[in-house]
Protein backbone atom coordinates (compact mmCIF):
# COMPACT_ATOMS: atom_id res chain seq x y z
CA MET A 1 0.00 0.00 0.00
CA TYR A 2 2.89 2.32 0.86
CA PHE A 3 4.54 1.81 -2.54
CA VAL A 4 1.21 2.22 -4.37
CA ILE A 5 0.91 5.71 -2.91
CA VAL A 6 4.56 6.76 -3.11
CA ILE A 7 5.34 5.71 -6.69
CA PRO A 8 2.60 7.85 -8.32
CA VAL A 9 3.67 10.80 -6.13
CA ILE A 10 7.29 10.43 -7.26
CA ALA A 11 6.15 10.16 -10.87
CA LEU A 12 4.08 13.34 -10.49
CA ILE A 13 6.99 15.27 -8.95
CA ALA A 14 9.30 14.08 -11.75
CA TRP A 15 6.77 15.20 -14.38
CA ILE A 16 6.47 18.65 -12.77
CA ILE A 17 10.27 19.08 -12.64
CA PHE A 18 10.66 17.92 -16.25
CA HIS A 19 7.81 20.17 -17.42
CA LYS A 20 9.30 23.22 -15.70
CA ARG A 21 12.74 22.53 -17.15
CA ASN A 22 11.34 22.33 -20.66
CA LYS A 23 9.03 25.31 -20.37
CA PRO A 24 10.59 28.41 -21.99
CA ASN A 25 11.59 31.16 -19.58
CA PRO A 26 9.61 34.26 -20.69
CA SER A 27 12.28 36.57 -19.22
CA VAL A 28 14.88 35.16 -21.65
CA LEU A 29 14.45 36.22 -25.27
CA GLN A 30 13.48 33.27 -27.41
CA LYS A 31 14.46 33.02 -31.06
CA LEU A 32 11.78 32.83 -33.74
CA ASP A 33 12.36 31.08 -37.07
CA LYS A 34 13.23 33.48 -39.89
CA SER A 35 10.29 32.19 -41.94
CA LEU A 36 7.90 33.18 -39.12
CA ILE A 37 9.58 36.58 -38.73
CA SER A 38 8.97 37.10 -42.44
CA ILE A 39 5.26 36.45 -41.85
CA LEU A 40 5.23 38.98 -39.01
CA ASP A 41 6.89 41.49 -41.29
CA SER A 42 4.38 41.01 -44.10
CA HIS A 43 1.14 40.57 -42.13
CA VAL A 44 1.27 42.34 -38.76
CA ASN A 45 1.12 46.13 -38.93
CA TYR A 46 1.51 46.48 -35.15
CA TYR A 47 4.91 44.76 -35.43
CA HIS A 48 6.04 47.28 -38.09
CA LYS A 49 5.64 50.20 -35.69
CA LEU A 50 7.97 48.73 -33.07
CA SER A 51 11.62 49.66 -32.56
CA LYS A 52 14.30 47.10 -33.33
CA SER A 53 14.60 46.00 -29.70
CA GLU A 54 10.82 45.86 -29.30
CA LYS A 55 10.57 43.69 -32.41
CA LYS A 56 12.99 41.21 -30.84
CA ARG A 57 10.87 41.12 -27.69
CA PHE A 58 7.67 40.71 -29.75
CA GLU A 59 9.25 37.83 -31.69
CA SER A 60 10.29 36.22 -28.41
CA GLN A 61 6.76 36.45 -26.99
CA VAL A 62 5.32 34.97 -30.19
CA SER A 63 7.81 32.09 -29.86
CA VAL A 64 6.91 31.49 -26.20
CA PHE A 65 3.18 31.50 -27.02
CA LEU A 66 3.65 28.97 -29.84
CA GLN A 67 5.59 26.70 -27.49
CA ASN A 68 2.97 26.89 -24.72
CA VAL A 69 -0.36 26.85 -26.59
CA ASN A 70 -1.55 24.23 -29.05
CA ILE A 71 -3.12 25.55 -32.28
CA GLU A 72 -5.22 23.09 -34.26
CA GLY A 73 -7.80 23.08 -37.01
CA VAL A 74 -11.20 21.44 -37.30
CA GLY A 75 -12.11 20.96 -40.94
CA THR A 76 -9.24 23.22 -42.00
CA GLU A 77 -5.49 22.87 -42.39
CA ILE A 78 -3.33 25.06 -40.15
CA THR A 79 -0.55 27.06 -41.83
CA ASP A 80 2.39 29.01 -40.43
CA VAL A 81 0.48 32.21 -41.26
CA ASP A 82 -2.40 31.03 -39.04
CA ARG A 83 -0.02 30.21 -36.20
CA VAL A 84 1.80 33.54 -36.38
CA LEU A 85 -1.43 35.55 -36.55
CA VAL A 86 -2.96 33.71 -33.59
CA ALA A 87 0.22 34.27 -31.55
CA SER A 88 0.40 37.94 -32.59
CA SER A 89 -3.23 38.42 -31.53
CA ALA A 90 -2.28 37.04 -28.14
CA VAL A 91 0.85 39.16 -27.74
CA ILE A 92 -0.52 42.53 -28.90
CA PRO A 93 -2.88 43.21 -25.94
CA VAL A 94 -0.29 42.15 -23.34
CA PHE A 95 2.89 43.50 -24.95
CA GLY A 96 3.11 46.28 -22.38
CA LEU A 97 2.52 43.96 -19.42
CA GLY A 98 5.95 42.33 -19.19
CA ASP A 99 6.14 38.54 -19.10
CA TRP A 100 2.39 37.94 -19.23
CA GLU A 101 1.24 34.34 -19.65
CA TYR A 102 -2.26 33.15 -20.56
CA SER A 103 -2.61 30.69 -17.71
CA ASN A 104 -6.27 30.16 -18.67
CA LEU A 105 -5.53 28.94 -22.21
CA THR A 106 -4.23 25.61 -23.53
CA ASN A 107 -5.69 25.34 -27.06
CA VAL A 108 -6.78 27.58 -29.91
CA ILE A 109 -9.06 25.84 -32.41
CA LEU A 110 -9.60 27.25 -35.89
CA TYR A 111 -12.81 26.54 -37.79
CA PRO A 112 -13.21 26.97 -41.57
CA ASP A 113 -16.25 29.22 -41.11
CA THR A 114 -18.33 30.99 -38.48
CA PHE A 115 -20.09 28.74 -35.96
CA ASP A 116 -22.97 28.62 -33.47
CA HIS A 117 -23.15 28.35 -29.69
CA GLU A 118 -22.89 24.56 -29.96
CA TYR A 119 -19.55 24.97 -31.77
CA GLN A 120 -21.11 23.70 -35.00
CA PHE A 121 -19.99 25.17 -38.31
CA GLU A 122 -22.14 23.14 -40.70
CA GLY A 123 -25.78 24.14 -41.08
CA GLY A 124 -27.91 26.01 -38.59
CA SER A 125 -27.42 29.59 -37.49
CA ARG A 126 -23.71 30.32 -37.84
CA ASN A 127 -22.84 33.86 -36.86
CA ILE A 128 -20.07 33.57 -34.24
CA GLN A 129 -16.55 34.48 -35.33
CA GLY A 130 -14.76 33.81 -32.06
CA MET A 131 -15.45 32.48 -28.59
CA VAL A 132 -13.62 31.74 -25.35
CA GLY A 133 -14.74 28.32 -24.19
CA THR A 134 -16.52 27.72 -20.87
CA GLY A 135 -17.57 24.60 -18.97
CA TYR A 136 -16.11 21.50 -20.58
CA MET A 137 -14.47 23.80 -23.17
CA ASN A 138 -12.67 25.83 -20.50
CA GLY A 139 -9.11 26.62 -21.54
CA GLN A 140 -10.05 26.55 -25.22
CA MET A 141 -10.51 29.39 -27.70
CA ILE A 142 -12.39 28.91 -30.96
CA LEU A 143 -11.82 31.22 -33.92
CA SER A 144 -13.18 31.41 -37.42
CA ARG A 145 -10.11 31.14 -39.65
CA PRO A 146 -11.49 33.63 -42.24
CA SER A 147 -12.12 36.13 -39.42
CA LEU A 148 -8.58 35.63 -38.10
CA LEU A 149 -7.11 36.38 -41.53
CA LYS A 150 -9.44 39.32 -42.15
CA GLY A 151 -8.37 40.93 -38.87
CA PHE A 152 -4.85 41.35 -40.23
CA SER A 153 -5.82 42.33 -43.77
CA PRO A 154 -6.03 45.89 -45.15
CA MET A 155 -9.83 45.40 -45.11
CA SER A 156 -10.00 44.90 -41.35
CA GLY A 157 -10.99 48.44 -40.46
CA LYS A 158 -11.46 48.76 -36.69
CA GLU A 159 -12.10 45.06 -36.13
CA ASN A 160 -9.88 42.14 -35.18
CA THR A 161 -11.75 39.07 -33.92
CA ALA A 162 -8.71 37.32 -32.46
CA ILE A 163 -7.55 40.36 -30.48
CA HIS A 164 -11.15 40.70 -29.24
CA GLU A 165 -11.09 37.16 -27.83
CA PHE A 166 -7.66 37.53 -26.23
CA VAL A 167 -8.84 40.71 -24.49
CA HIS A 168 -11.66 38.59 -23.05
CA LEU A 169 -9.00 36.24 -21.65
CA VAL A 170 -7.09 39.16 -20.13
CA ASP A 171 -10.36 40.37 -18.60
CA LYS A 172 -11.09 36.86 -17.33
CA SER A 173 -7.70 36.53 -15.61
CA ASP A 174 -9.08 38.01 -12.37
CA GLY A 175 -11.83 35.39 -12.29
CA ALA A 176 -14.64 37.43 -13.86
CA THR A 177 -15.23 38.48 -17.47
CA ASP A 178 -16.88 41.78 -16.60
CA GLY A 179 -15.09 44.51 -18.55
CA VAL A 180 -12.97 45.51 -15.53
CA PRO A 181 -9.57 43.76 -15.70
CA GLU A 182 -8.75 44.17 -12.02
CA GLN A 183 -5.26 42.68 -12.32
CA LEU A 184 -4.35 45.55 -14.66
CA MET A 185 -6.35 48.35 -13.09
CA GLU A 186 -5.81 49.89 -9.68
CA HIS A 187 -8.95 49.73 -7.54
CA GLN A 188 -9.54 53.49 -7.48
CA TYR A 189 -9.73 53.59 -11.28
CA ALA A 190 -12.44 50.92 -11.61
CA ALA A 191 -15.40 53.22 -10.86
CA PRO A 192 -14.27 56.02 -13.24
CA TRP A 193 -13.68 53.40 -15.96
CA LEU A 194 -17.18 51.99 -15.53
CA SER A 195 -18.66 55.49 -15.61
CA LEU A 196 -16.78 56.33 -18.82
CA MET A 197 -17.79 53.01 -20.34
CA HIS A 198 -21.49 53.52 -19.59
CA ARG A 199 -21.45 57.06 -20.97
CA GLU A 200 -20.03 55.79 -24.24
CA MET A 201 -22.53 52.92 -24.33
CA HIS A 202 -25.33 55.51 -24.14
CA ARG A 203 -23.72 57.42 -27.01
CA ILE A 204 -23.60 54.23 -29.07
CA ARG A 205 -27.31 53.58 -28.39
CA ASP A 206 -28.08 57.15 -29.50
CA GLY A 207 -26.11 56.73 -32.72
CA LYS A 208 -23.50 59.28 -31.65
CA SER A 209 -20.47 57.00 -31.59
CA ASP A 210 -18.52 55.15 -34.29
CA ILE A 211 -17.76 52.23 -31.95
CA ASN A 212 -19.32 48.96 -33.14
CA PRO A 213 -22.83 48.65 -31.58
CA TYR A 214 -21.95 45.13 -30.43
CA ALA A 215 -20.14 46.94 -27.60
CA ILE A 216 -23.44 47.69 -25.84
CA THR A 217 -24.10 43.95 -25.31
CA ASN A 218 -22.46 44.22 -21.87
CA GLU A 219 -19.37 45.68 -20.19
CA ALA A 220 -17.13 42.74 -21.18
CA GLU A 221 -18.00 43.16 -24.85
CA PHE A 222 -17.48 46.91 -24.61
CA LEU A 223 -13.93 46.38 -23.36
CA ALA A 224 -13.18 43.84 -26.10
CA VAL A 225 -14.72 45.91 -28.93
CA ALA A 226 -13.09 49.16 -27.81
CA SER A 227 -9.75 47.35 -27.52
CA GLU A 228 -10.01 46.13 -31.12
CA TYR A 229 -10.43 49.75 -32.21
CA PHE A 230 -7.63 50.88 -29.87
CA PHE A 231 -5.11 48.49 -31.42
CA GLU A 232 -6.30 48.49 -35.04
CA LYS A 233 -6.88 52.21 -35.60
CA PRO A 234 -5.13 53.93 -32.66
CA GLU A 235 -4.77 57.35 -34.29
CA GLN A 236 -8.46 57.48 -35.18
CA PHE A 237 -9.45 56.12 -31.78
CA LYS A 238 -7.35 58.70 -29.94
CA GLN A 239 -8.82 61.53 -32.01
CA LYS A 240 -12.46 60.49 -31.59
CA HIS A 241 -12.29 58.97 -28.11
CA PRO A 242 -9.43 60.65 -26.19
CA GLU A 243 -10.69 59.66 -22.73
CA LEU A 244 -11.15 56.03 -23.71
CA TYR A 245 -7.75 56.05 -25.39
CA GLN A 246 -6.14 57.35 -22.21
CA GLN A 247 -7.87 54.76 -20.03
CA LEU A 248 -6.98 51.84 -22.31
CA SER A 249 -3.38 53.11 -22.48
CA LEU A 250 -3.28 52.79 -18.70
CA VAL A 251 -4.91 49.34 -18.73
CA PHE A 252 -2.65 47.83 -21.38
CA ARG A 253 0.35 50.01 -20.41
CA GLN A 254 1.12 50.98 -23.96
CA LYS A 255 0.30 53.79 -26.39
CA PRO A 256 -0.04 52.33 -29.89
CA VAL A 257 -0.16 55.79 -31.54
C-alpha cells in the first residue's frame, strides 16, 4: 500500500520538474524562425511600428506562445500564417505587461467558417466568429479562420476578432469576465472606468459613436470591442475617443499611436 501511494507521487513530482525545465523562460528572449519573422513582417502592422529592440521582444513572446499553446484546425489545415497571426493576436494586448502568460488557455481551435453556440460550423445559425470556451471547453478558444485572416488584412478596419477574444482572456484573468480587468487596473480607477464606459454605451445607443454597436451587449463586450479599435486604428481612436484612449493606455500600459 505504501509503494502504491509513493510511486505515483514520485512520478508526479518528476513530471512537474521535467515540465518546468522544458518550459521556456519568458524573461529570456526566445528566437523565432526566420520564416515566421517574415510572416510577421508582411502581415502584422503592429509589429512594423515597433523599434528594433521591441521587435525582438515581440518575436520572443510569439515564440513562447507557440511553445505553450496548441493551435489546431477542425475541418481546415493550419498554416504558419495562421499560427503567427494567432500568436500575434495574443501578444498585442499584453505586450506592455511584461512577461504575461495566458494561464487560462491551452488550445486555440480554428474553424473553416463561423459557428454557433454549440460549436457547430455546418448548417444552422452560424454567426459567431470567435469564442472563449466555458464549462467543458474551458481553456479553449475557438476562432473562425477567415475572421482571423481578415483581422490582419487591409480590409480589417477597426475590427480584429482574435484580439477581441484575447482581451476577453485578459479580462477573465481576475476570475470574472466583466469589462474591468482588475489585475491591470488599480482599484480606485475601476469606478471612473465603468462610468466612462457607460457614458459611451449611451452614445452608441443614441447613434452618436462610431464604436461597433456590439459593444453595448455588456461591459465585457465593450472592453473587447473598444480594444479592437484601440489596437487596429489607434490614431483614429485617440482623435475620436481621447478619454477612452487614455484609459486603455493605462490598462494595457502601452500607447499604440
